[in-house]
Amino acid sequence: GEAAKWSSPLINAIRQFGLFIGFELNEAAVAAGAECKASGRPASIFVARKLLVAGLMTVPAGPSVVRWLPPLNITQTEATEALRIMKTTLENLK
């Protein structure tokens, strides 16, 4: 899918089974950021909270994975918007 074509230094891998998508974060790179350090939270929880504030609900899964669990009736427009939010949020981490 579209997510698999996108790369970020903060993502090590993207695993997908249907609409069940796991973004494996580069835990060390995320945790090295001042904001994540100050939060005292694992990378996945820190990123999931940032995404929620930006308008994208995700699920942390362990210390380094953020899961997308969209509804089966998600539209292409909604999927594109979710990916835009994810990209923008990761690019703006400090």
Protein backbone atom coordinates (compact mmCIF):
# COMPACT_ATOMS: atom_id res chain seq x y z
CA GLY A 1 0.00 0.00 0.00
CA GLU A 2 0.84 3.70 0.14
CA ALA A 3 2.48 3.35 3.56
CA ALA A 4 4.97 0.82 2.22
CA LYS A 5 6.22 3.37 -0.37
CA TRP A 6 7.04 5.91 2.31
CA SER A 7 10.18 5.85 4.40
CA SER A 8 11.30 7.72 7.49
CA PRO A 9 14.47 7.46 9.57
CA LEU A 10 12.14 6.99 12.56
CA ILE A 11 10.56 3.83 11.09
CA ASN A 12 12.49 0.57 10.80
CA ALA A 13 9.76 -1.53 9.18
CA ILE A 14 6.10 -1.58 8.22
CA ARG A 15 4.24 -4.85 8.69
CA GLN A 16 0.80 -5.26 7.18
CA PHE A 17 -1.91 -7.90 7.11
CA GLY A 18 -4.96 -6.43 5.40
CA LEU A 19 -5.81 -3.22 7.25
CA PHE A 20 -3.89 -4.32 10.34
CA ILE A 21 -0.71 -2.23 9.97
CA GLY A 22 2.23 -2.09 12.38
CA PHE A 23 4.80 0.67 12.12
CA GLU A 24 7.98 -0.50 13.85
CA LEU A 25 9.64 2.64 15.16
CA ASN A 26 13.36 3.21 15.33
CA GLU A 27 13.03 3.20 19.10
CA ALA A 28 16.50 4.60 19.78
CA ALA A 29 16.03 7.50 17.34
CA VAL A 30 12.62 8.44 18.73
CA ALA A 31 13.80 8.09 22.34
CA ALA A 32 16.84 10.27 21.62
CA GLY A 33 14.58 13.26 20.93
CA ALA A 34 14.27 15.82 23.71
CA GLU A 35 10.46 15.64 23.78
CA CYS A 36 10.39 11.86 24.13
CA LYS A 37 13.11 11.95 26.80
CA ALA A 38 11.19 14.58 28.75
CA SER A 39 7.96 12.55 28.53
CA GLY A 40 9.55 9.53 30.21
CA ARG A 41 7.41 7.28 28.02
CA PRO A 42 8.35 4.45 25.65
CA ALA A 43 8.67 5.52 22.01
CA SER A 44 5.41 3.84 20.95
CA ILE A 45 3.32 5.56 23.64
CA PHE A 46 5.01 8.91 23.01
CA VAL A 47 4.34 8.71 19.25
CA ALA A 48 0.77 7.38 19.70
CA ARG A 49 -0.04 10.37 21.95
CA LYS A 50 1.48 12.82 19.46
CA LEU A 51 -0.59 11.23 16.69
CA LEU A 52 -3.76 11.44 18.78
CA VAL A 53 -3.20 15.16 19.39
CA ALA A 54 -2.74 15.56 15.62
CA GLY A 55 -6.04 13.76 14.94
CA LEU A 56 -4.98 10.15 14.28
CA MET A 57 -5.92 7.44 16.77
CA THR A 58 -3.39 4.62 16.87
CA VAL A 59 -2.52 1.85 19.32
CA PRO A 60 0.92 1.42 20.90
CA ALA A 61 2.05 -2.21 20.81
CA GLY A 62 5.08 -2.85 22.96
CA PRO A 63 7.82 -0.23 23.27
CA SER A 64 8.46 0.27 19.55
CA VAL A 65 5.35 -0.42 17.45
CA VAL A 66 2.43 1.84 16.60
CA ARG A 67 -0.57 0.02 15.09
CA TRP A 68 -3.16 1.36 12.73
CA LEU A 69 -6.51 -0.41 13.04
CA PRO A 70 -8.78 1.45 10.61
CA PRO A 71 -12.41 0.45 10.05
CA LEU A 72 -13.15 -1.78 7.07
CA ASN A 73 -15.04 1.05 5.37
CA ILE A 74 -12.10 3.49 5.39
CA THR A 75 -11.91 5.59 2.24
CA GLN A 76 -8.80 6.31 0.19
CA THR A 77 -9.13 9.98 1.24
CA GLU A 78 -9.15 9.01 4.93
CA ALA A 79 -6.15 6.69 4.47
CA THR A 80 -4.22 9.43 2.67
CA GLU A 81 -5.04 11.89 5.46
CA ALA A 82 -3.91 9.38 8.12
CA LEU A 83 -0.60 8.90 6.33
CA ARG A 84 -0.18 12.68 6.02
CA ILE A 85 -0.74 13.07 9.77
CA MET A 86 1.76 10.30 10.51
CA LYS A 87 4.40 11.78 8.19
CA THR A 88 3.96 15.31 9.53
CA THR A 89 4.00 14.18 13.16
CA LEU A 90 7.19 12.16 12.74
CA GLU A 91 8.89 14.93 10.77
CA ASN A 92 8.10 17.42 13.56
CA LEU A 93 9.38 15.34 16.48
CA LYS A 94 12.13 17.04 18.44
